[in-house]
């Protein structure tokens, strides 16, 4: 018989669970998947006054999710050529890799999608005022994701 600790131990979520939760919370996202990998494409509007952004999320079970903003393209400010909190691509830096902020036992629909929307909100504020108010650690361009 499994111990109480075994019952409550976090386990890596299967792709089927990730797919079901995304379909439940974000039915407008299109899904493509094969084996242990999935790609979701859909739109997010961070606030009622925001632009609508088309994003792509790629995930392989046990890997870190990767997010791209497909359109409209992210743009630097005239007074600052580098967009804060991005990886090359540009891809939003949603959390600090290897920090435990995200793990494969968490639903992408509960974490990565809302974090992407929040990142887009802070990006729009940065575009308007020139200051990143989203906190966090700015990744260096040579920072590698796990």
N, C-alpha and C. Protein backbone atom coordinates (compact mmCIF):
# COMPACT_ATOMS: atom_id res chain seq x y z
N UNK A 1 0.84 -1.18 0.00
CA UNK A 1 0.00 0.00 0.00
C UNK A 1 0.89 1.25 0.00
N UNK A 2 0.49 2.23 -0.79
CA UNK A 2 1.26 3.47 -0.89
C UNK A 2 1.12 4.27 0.40
N UNK A 3 2.22 4.89 0.77
CA UNK A 3 2.19 5.73 1.96
C UNK A 3 1.49 7.04 1.64
N UNK A 4 1.13 7.76 2.68
CA UNK A 4 0.48 9.06 2.51
C UNK A 4 1.40 10.01 1.75
N UNK A 5 2.70 9.96 2.04
CA UNK A 5 3.66 10.83 1.36
C UNK A 5 3.70 10.50 -0.13
N UNK A 6 3.64 9.22 -0.50
CA UNK A 6 3.63 8.84 -1.91
C UNK A 6 2.39 9.37 -2.61
N UNK A 7 1.28 9.36 -1.91
CA UNK A 7 0.02 9.81 -2.50
C UNK A 7 0.06 11.30 -2.85
N UNK A 8 0.69 12.09 -2.01
CA UNK A 8 0.72 13.54 -2.21
C UNK A 8 1.96 14.03 -2.93
N UNK A 9 2.89 13.15 -3.23
CA UNK A 9 4.12 13.55 -3.92
C UNK A 9 3.76 14.08 -5.32
N UNK A 10 4.36 15.20 -5.68
CA UNK A 10 4.12 15.77 -6.99
C UNK A 10 4.65 14.81 -8.05
N UNK A 11 3.86 14.61 -9.07
CA UNK A 11 4.27 13.74 -10.16
C UNK A 11 4.20 14.54 -11.46
N UNK A 12 5.07 14.15 -12.37
CA UNK A 12 5.07 14.80 -13.68
C UNK A 12 3.72 14.54 -14.35
N UNK A 13 3.09 15.60 -14.80
CA UNK A 13 1.80 15.47 -15.46
C UNK A 13 1.98 14.87 -16.85
N UNK A 14 1.08 13.99 -17.23
CA UNK A 14 1.14 13.42 -18.56
C UNK A 14 0.70 14.47 -19.58
N UNK A 15 1.04 14.23 -20.83
CA UNK A 15 0.63 15.15 -21.87
C UNK A 15 -0.89 15.17 -22.00
N UNK A 16 -1.53 14.05 -21.77
CA UNK A 16 -3.00 14.00 -21.84
C UNK A 16 -3.62 14.96 -20.83
N UNK A 17 -3.08 15.03 -19.62
CA UNK A 17 -3.58 15.97 -18.62
C UNK A 17 -3.35 17.41 -19.07
N UNK A 18 -2.14 17.68 -19.60
CA UNK A 18 -1.83 19.04 -20.07
C UNK A 18 -2.79 19.44 -21.19
N UNK A 19 -3.03 18.53 -22.14
CA UNK A 19 -3.92 18.81 -23.26
C UNK A 19 -5.35 19.07 -22.79
N UNK A 20 -5.83 18.25 -21.87
CA UNK A 20 -7.20 18.40 -21.37
C UNK A 20 -7.39 19.72 -20.64
N UNK A 21 -6.42 20.09 -19.82
CA UNK A 21 -6.55 21.35 -19.06
C UNK A 21 -6.50 22.56 -20.00
N UNK A 22 -5.61 22.50 -21.00
CA UNK A 22 -5.55 23.60 -21.96
C UNK A 22 -6.86 23.71 -22.73
N UNK A 23 -7.42 22.58 -23.14
CA UNK A 23 -8.68 22.61 -23.89
C UNK A 23 -9.81 23.16 -23.02
N UNK A 24 -9.77 22.83 -21.73
CA UNK A 24 -10.80 23.30 -20.81
C UNK A 24 -10.73 24.80 -20.57
N UNK A 25 -9.52 25.33 -20.33
CA UNK A 25 -9.37 26.74 -19.99
C UNK A 25 -9.16 27.65 -21.19
N UNK A 26 -8.59 27.13 -22.26
CA UNK A 26 -8.29 27.94 -23.45
C UNK A 26 -8.76 27.21 -24.71
N UNK A 27 -10.07 27.03 -24.85
CA UNK A 27 -10.59 26.26 -25.99
C UNK A 27 -10.29 26.91 -27.34
N UNK A 28 -9.99 28.21 -27.36
CA UNK A 28 -9.68 28.87 -28.62
C UNK A 28 -8.26 28.60 -29.10
N UNK A 29 -7.43 27.99 -28.28
CA UNK A 29 -6.07 27.64 -28.70
C UNK A 29 -6.15 26.38 -29.57
N UNK A 30 -5.43 26.40 -30.70
CA UNK A 30 -5.34 25.21 -31.55
C UNK A 30 -4.22 24.34 -31.00
N UNK A 31 -4.43 23.03 -31.08
CA UNK A 31 -3.48 22.09 -30.52
C UNK A 31 -2.95 21.15 -31.59
N UNK A 32 -1.66 20.93 -31.57
CA UNK A 32 -1.04 19.90 -32.39
C UNK A 32 -0.15 19.09 -31.46
N UNK A 33 -0.21 17.80 -31.57
CA UNK A 33 0.61 16.98 -30.69
C UNK A 33 0.96 15.67 -31.33
N UNK A 34 2.09 15.16 -30.91
CA UNK A 34 2.53 13.84 -31.37
C UNK A 34 3.41 13.25 -30.28
N UNK A 35 3.09 12.06 -29.87
CA UNK A 35 3.89 11.39 -28.84
C UNK A 35 3.83 12.15 -27.54
N UNK A 36 4.98 12.58 -27.08
CA UNK A 36 5.05 13.29 -25.79
C UNK A 36 5.27 14.79 -25.97
N UNK A 37 4.95 15.32 -27.17
CA UNK A 37 5.14 16.74 -27.45
C UNK A 37 3.83 17.36 -27.91
N UNK A 38 3.65 18.64 -27.56
CA UNK A 38 2.46 19.38 -27.99
C UNK A 38 2.85 20.80 -28.35
N UNK A 39 2.07 21.37 -29.26
CA UNK A 39 2.21 22.77 -29.64
C UNK A 39 0.81 23.38 -29.59
N UNK A 40 0.70 24.49 -28.87
CA UNK A 40 -0.56 25.23 -28.79
C UNK A 40 -0.34 26.59 -29.44
N UNK A 41 -1.31 27.03 -30.22
CA UNK A 41 -1.26 28.34 -30.84
C UNK A 41 -2.60 29.03 -30.59
N UNK A 42 -2.53 30.24 -30.10
CA UNK A 42 -3.76 30.97 -29.81
C UNK A 42 -3.48 32.43 -29.53
N UNK A 43 -4.53 33.13 -29.15
CA UNK A 43 -4.39 34.56 -28.90
C UNK A 43 -4.63 34.90 -27.44
N UNK A 44 -3.92 35.94 -27.00
CA UNK A 44 -4.07 36.48 -25.64
C UNK A 44 -4.22 37.98 -25.74
N UNK A 45 -5.07 38.53 -24.91
CA UNK A 45 -5.24 39.98 -24.78
C UNK A 45 -5.04 40.29 -23.30
N UNK A 46 -3.86 40.83 -22.94
CA UNK A 46 -3.54 41.04 -21.53
C UNK A 46 -4.50 41.94 -20.76
N UNK A 47 -5.09 42.91 -21.44
CA UNK A 47 -6.06 43.80 -20.79
C UNK A 47 -7.06 44.24 -21.84
N UNK A 48 -8.18 44.81 -21.43
CA UNK A 48 -9.15 45.27 -22.42
C UNK A 48 -8.60 46.33 -23.37
N UNK A 49 -7.57 47.06 -22.96
CA UNK A 49 -6.98 48.08 -23.82
C UNK A 49 -5.79 47.57 -24.63
N UNK A 50 -5.42 46.32 -24.41
CA UNK A 50 -4.23 45.75 -25.04
C UNK A 50 -4.48 45.32 -26.48
N UNK A 51 -3.37 45.16 -27.19
CA UNK A 51 -3.41 44.48 -28.47
C UNK A 51 -3.73 43.01 -28.23
N UNK A 52 -4.14 42.33 -29.28
CA UNK A 52 -4.30 40.88 -29.22
C UNK A 52 -3.03 40.27 -29.78
N UNK A 53 -2.45 39.34 -29.05
CA UNK A 53 -1.19 38.72 -29.43
C UNK A 53 -1.42 37.26 -29.78
N UNK A 54 -0.83 36.84 -30.88
CA UNK A 54 -0.85 35.42 -31.26
C UNK A 54 0.43 34.80 -30.70
N UNK A 55 0.27 33.75 -29.90
CA UNK A 55 1.41 33.11 -29.26
C UNK A 55 1.45 31.63 -29.60
N UNK A 56 2.64 31.08 -29.48
CA UNK A 56 2.84 29.64 -29.67
C UNK A 56 3.56 29.10 -28.45
N UNK A 57 3.07 27.98 -27.93
CA UNK A 57 3.69 27.33 -26.78
C UNK A 57 4.06 25.92 -27.21
N UNK A 58 5.31 25.56 -27.05
CA UNK A 58 5.77 24.20 -27.33
C UNK A 58 6.15 23.54 -26.02
N UNK A 59 5.77 22.27 -25.90
CA UNK A 59 6.08 21.55 -24.66
C UNK A 59 6.30 20.08 -24.96
N UNK A 60 7.37 19.55 -24.41
CA UNK A 60 7.64 18.13 -24.40
C UNK A 60 7.63 17.67 -22.96
N UNK A 61 6.97 16.57 -22.68
CA UNK A 61 6.85 16.10 -21.30
C UNK A 61 8.22 16.04 -20.64
N UNK A 62 8.34 16.70 -19.51
CA UNK A 62 9.59 16.73 -18.75
C UNK A 62 10.51 17.87 -19.13
N UNK A 63 10.23 18.55 -20.24
CA UNK A 63 11.04 19.70 -20.67
C UNK A 63 10.42 20.98 -20.14
N UNK A 64 11.10 22.09 -20.40
CA UNK A 64 10.52 23.39 -20.06
C UNK A 64 9.68 23.85 -21.25
N UNK A 65 8.53 24.45 -20.99
CA UNK A 65 7.74 25.00 -22.09
C UNK A 65 8.47 26.18 -22.72
N UNK A 66 8.31 26.35 -24.01
CA UNK A 66 8.90 27.48 -24.72
C UNK A 66 7.77 28.26 -25.37
N UNK A 67 7.85 29.59 -25.26
CA UNK A 67 6.80 30.47 -25.75
C UNK A 67 7.38 31.45 -26.76
N UNK A 68 6.63 31.65 -27.85
CA UNK A 68 6.97 32.65 -28.85
C UNK A 68 5.78 33.59 -29.02
N UNK A 69 6.06 34.87 -29.23
CA UNK A 69 5.04 35.82 -29.62
C UNK A 69 5.13 35.92 -31.14
N UNK A 70 4.10 35.41 -31.82
CA UNK A 70 4.12 35.35 -33.28
C UNK A 70 3.71 36.66 -33.93
N UNK A 71 2.68 37.29 -33.37
CA UNK A 71 2.23 38.58 -33.92
C UNK A 71 1.38 39.29 -32.87
N UNK A 72 1.36 40.62 -32.92
CA UNK A 72 2.27 41.43 -33.71
C UNK A 72 3.70 41.26 -33.21
N UNK A 73 4.68 41.54 -34.07
CA UNK A 73 6.07 41.35 -33.63
C UNK A 73 6.41 42.27 -32.46
N UNK A 74 7.20 41.73 -31.54
CA UNK A 74 7.67 42.54 -30.42
C UNK A 74 8.62 43.61 -30.97
N UNK A 75 8.50 44.82 -30.42
CA UNK A 75 9.31 45.93 -30.90
C UNK A 75 10.03 46.60 -29.74
N UNK A 76 11.27 46.94 -30.00
CA UNK A 76 12.04 47.70 -29.02
C UNK A 76 11.56 49.16 -29.04
N UNK A 77 11.94 49.87 -28.02
CA UNK A 77 11.64 51.31 -27.96
C UNK A 77 12.72 52.05 -28.76
N UNK A 78 12.37 53.22 -29.31
CA UNK A 78 13.39 54.00 -30.04
C UNK A 78 14.60 54.34 -29.16
N UNK A 79 14.37 54.53 -27.86
CA UNK A 79 15.47 54.91 -26.96
C UNK A 79 16.14 53.70 -26.31
N UNK A 80 15.69 52.48 -26.64
CA UNK A 80 16.27 51.28 -26.04
C UNK A 80 16.14 50.13 -27.02
N UNK A 81 17.24 49.74 -27.67
CA UNK A 81 17.15 48.72 -28.71
C UNK A 81 16.92 47.29 -28.21
N UNK A 82 17.04 47.07 -26.90
CA UNK A 82 16.81 45.70 -26.43
C UNK A 82 15.55 45.59 -25.59
N UNK A 83 14.74 44.60 -25.94
CA UNK A 83 13.51 44.33 -25.22
C UNK A 83 13.89 43.56 -23.95
N UNK A 84 13.41 44.01 -22.79
CA UNK A 84 13.77 43.30 -21.55
C UNK A 84 13.06 41.96 -21.44
N UNK A 85 13.69 41.09 -20.69
CA UNK A 85 13.11 39.78 -20.35
C UNK A 85 12.74 38.94 -21.56
N UNK A 86 13.66 38.83 -22.51
CA UNK A 86 13.43 37.96 -23.66
C UNK A 86 14.65 37.07 -23.90
N UNK A 87 14.37 35.93 -24.50
CA UNK A 87 15.40 35.06 -25.06
C UNK A 87 15.44 35.36 -26.54
N UNK A 88 16.50 34.96 -27.22
CA UNK A 88 16.54 35.17 -28.67
C UNK A 88 15.32 34.54 -29.32
N UNK A 89 14.82 35.21 -30.29
CA UNK A 89 13.66 34.67 -30.99
C UNK A 89 12.66 35.72 -31.42
N UNK A 90 12.28 36.74 -30.74
CA UNK A 90 12.39 36.85 -29.28
C UNK A 90 11.30 36.04 -28.60
N UNK A 91 11.71 35.45 -27.50
CA UNK A 91 10.79 34.65 -26.70
C UNK A 91 10.75 35.24 -25.30
N UNK A 92 9.54 35.44 -24.75
CA UNK A 92 9.43 36.01 -23.41
C UNK A 92 10.10 35.13 -22.35
N UNK A 93 10.80 35.75 -21.45
CA UNK A 93 11.34 35.07 -20.28
C UNK A 93 10.28 35.18 -19.19
N UNK A 94 9.62 34.07 -18.92
CA UNK A 94 8.48 34.07 -18.00
C UNK A 94 8.86 33.75 -16.57
N UNK A 95 9.98 33.05 -16.38
CA UNK A 95 10.43 32.66 -15.05
C UNK A 95 11.91 32.34 -15.15
N UNK A 96 12.56 32.28 -14.02
CA UNK A 96 13.99 32.00 -13.98
C UNK A 96 14.22 30.49 -14.08
N UNK A 97 14.83 30.02 -15.15
CA UNK A 97 15.08 28.58 -15.29
C UNK A 97 15.92 28.04 -14.13
N UNK A 98 15.71 26.80 -13.82
CA UNK A 98 16.46 26.09 -12.77
C UNK A 98 16.23 26.67 -11.38
N UNK A 99 15.17 27.47 -11.22
CA UNK A 99 14.91 28.09 -9.92
C UNK A 99 13.79 27.40 -9.16
N UNK A 100 13.07 26.50 -9.83
CA UNK A 100 11.94 25.85 -9.20
C UNK A 100 10.64 26.62 -9.34
N UNK A 101 10.67 27.74 -10.08
CA UNK A 101 9.45 28.52 -10.27
C UNK A 101 8.43 27.77 -11.12
N UNK A 102 8.91 26.91 -12.02
CA UNK A 102 8.01 26.06 -12.81
C UNK A 102 8.58 24.66 -12.82
N UNK A 103 7.70 23.66 -12.77
CA UNK A 103 8.14 22.27 -12.86
C UNK A 103 7.11 21.48 -13.65
N UNK A 104 7.49 20.30 -14.15
CA UNK A 104 6.59 19.49 -14.98
C UNK A 104 5.36 18.94 -14.25
N UNK A 105 5.27 19.19 -12.95
CA UNK A 105 4.06 18.75 -12.24
C UNK A 105 3.03 19.87 -12.17
N UNK A 106 3.26 20.96 -12.92
CA UNK A 106 2.32 22.07 -12.95
C UNK A 106 1.67 22.15 -14.33
N UNK A 107 0.42 22.57 -14.34
CA UNK A 107 -0.30 22.72 -15.60
C UNK A 107 0.16 23.96 -16.34
N UNK A 108 0.42 23.82 -17.62
CA UNK A 108 0.78 24.95 -18.47
C UNK A 108 -0.36 25.96 -18.50
N UNK A 109 -1.60 25.46 -18.51
CA UNK A 109 -2.77 26.35 -18.54
C UNK A 109 -2.88 27.20 -17.29
N UNK A 110 -2.37 26.71 -16.16
CA UNK A 110 -2.44 27.45 -14.90
C UNK A 110 -1.24 28.35 -14.67
N UNK A 111 -0.17 28.14 -15.40
CA UNK A 111 1.07 28.88 -15.15
C UNK A 111 1.55 29.61 -16.40
N UNK A 112 1.99 28.88 -17.38
CA UNK A 112 2.65 29.46 -18.55
C UNK A 112 1.74 30.41 -19.32
N UNK A 113 0.49 30.04 -19.53
CA UNK A 113 -0.42 30.91 -20.28
C UNK A 113 -0.69 32.21 -19.51
N UNK A 114 -1.09 32.14 -18.23
CA UNK A 114 -1.27 33.41 -17.50
C UNK A 114 0.02 34.22 -17.38
N UNK A 115 1.15 33.55 -17.19
CA UNK A 115 2.41 34.26 -17.10
C UNK A 115 2.73 34.96 -18.41
N UNK A 116 2.40 34.33 -19.54
CA UNK A 116 2.63 34.95 -20.84
C UNK A 116 1.77 36.20 -20.98
N UNK A 117 0.53 36.12 -20.58
CA UNK A 117 -0.35 37.28 -20.63
C UNK A 117 0.18 38.41 -19.74
N UNK A 118 0.64 38.06 -18.55
CA UNK A 118 1.20 39.05 -17.64
C UNK A 118 2.47 39.66 -18.23
N UNK A 119 3.31 38.83 -18.83
CA UNK A 119 4.53 39.33 -19.47
C UNK A 119 4.16 40.33 -20.57
N UNK A 120 3.15 39.99 -21.38
CA UNK A 120 2.72 40.89 -22.45
C UNK A 120 2.21 42.21 -21.90
N UNK A 121 1.50 42.17 -20.78
CA UNK A 121 1.04 43.39 -20.13
C UNK A 121 2.24 44.27 -19.75
N UNK A 122 3.24 43.66 -19.09
CA UNK A 122 4.42 44.43 -18.68
C UNK A 122 5.21 44.92 -19.89
N UNK A 123 5.22 44.14 -20.95
CA UNK A 123 5.87 44.57 -22.19
C UNK A 123 5.18 45.84 -22.72
N UNK A 124 3.84 45.87 -22.72
CA UNK A 124 3.13 47.05 -23.19
C UNK A 124 3.39 48.27 -22.31
N UNK A 125 3.47 48.06 -21.01
CA UNK A 125 3.80 49.17 -20.10
C UNK A 125 5.21 49.66 -20.40
N UNK A 126 6.15 48.74 -20.57
CA UNK A 126 7.53 49.12 -20.90
C UNK A 126 7.58 49.92 -22.19
N UNK A 127 6.82 49.48 -23.21
CA UNK A 127 6.79 50.21 -24.48
C UNK A 127 6.27 51.63 -24.27
N UNK A 128 5.31 51.80 -23.34
CA UNK A 128 4.70 53.11 -23.12
C UNK A 128 5.58 54.04 -22.28
N UNK A 129 6.21 53.51 -21.23
CA UNK A 129 6.92 54.40 -20.30
C UNK A 129 8.43 54.20 -20.25
N UNK A 130 8.92 53.10 -20.83
CA UNK A 130 10.36 52.88 -20.87
C UNK A 130 10.95 52.22 -19.65
N UNK A 131 10.10 51.78 -18.73
CA UNK A 131 10.59 51.11 -17.52
C UNK A 131 9.89 49.76 -17.39
N UNK A 132 10.67 48.71 -17.11
CA UNK A 132 10.11 47.37 -16.92
C UNK A 132 9.63 47.27 -15.47
N UNK A 133 8.33 47.14 -15.29
CA UNK A 133 7.76 47.07 -13.95
C UNK A 133 7.39 45.65 -13.53
N UNK A 134 7.76 44.68 -14.34
CA UNK A 134 7.39 43.29 -14.07
C UNK A 134 8.30 42.55 -13.12
N UNK A 135 9.36 43.20 -12.65
CA UNK A 135 10.28 42.53 -11.73
C UNK A 135 11.04 41.42 -12.43
N UNK A 136 11.61 40.54 -11.62
CA UNK A 136 12.33 39.40 -12.17
C UNK A 136 13.77 39.72 -12.49
N UNK A 137 14.45 38.70 -12.99
CA UNK A 137 15.84 38.80 -13.38
C UNK A 137 15.90 38.83 -14.90
N UNK A 138 16.59 39.80 -15.46
CA UNK A 138 16.72 39.88 -16.91
C UNK A 138 17.70 38.81 -17.38
N UNK A 139 17.28 37.92 -18.28
CA UNK A 139 18.23 36.92 -18.77
C UNK A 139 19.26 37.56 -19.68
N UNK A 140 20.45 37.02 -19.65
CA UNK A 140 21.47 37.46 -20.58
C UNK A 140 21.24 36.70 -21.89
N UNK A 141 21.73 37.24 -22.98
CA UNK A 141 21.48 36.59 -24.27
C UNK A 141 22.13 35.22 -24.34
N UNK A 142 23.15 34.96 -23.52
CA UNK A 142 23.79 33.65 -23.55
C UNK A 142 23.20 32.70 -22.52
N UNK A 143 22.15 33.11 -21.81
CA UNK A 143 21.51 32.26 -20.82
C UNK A 143 20.84 31.09 -21.53
N UNK A 144 21.07 29.91 -21.05
CA UNK A 144 20.47 28.71 -21.62
C UNK A 144 19.32 28.25 -20.73
N UNK A 145 18.27 27.80 -21.37
CA UNK A 145 17.16 27.23 -20.62
C UNK A 145 17.46 25.77 -20.37
N UNK A 146 16.89 25.25 -19.32
CA UNK A 146 17.00 23.81 -19.03
C UNK A 146 15.97 23.08 -19.84
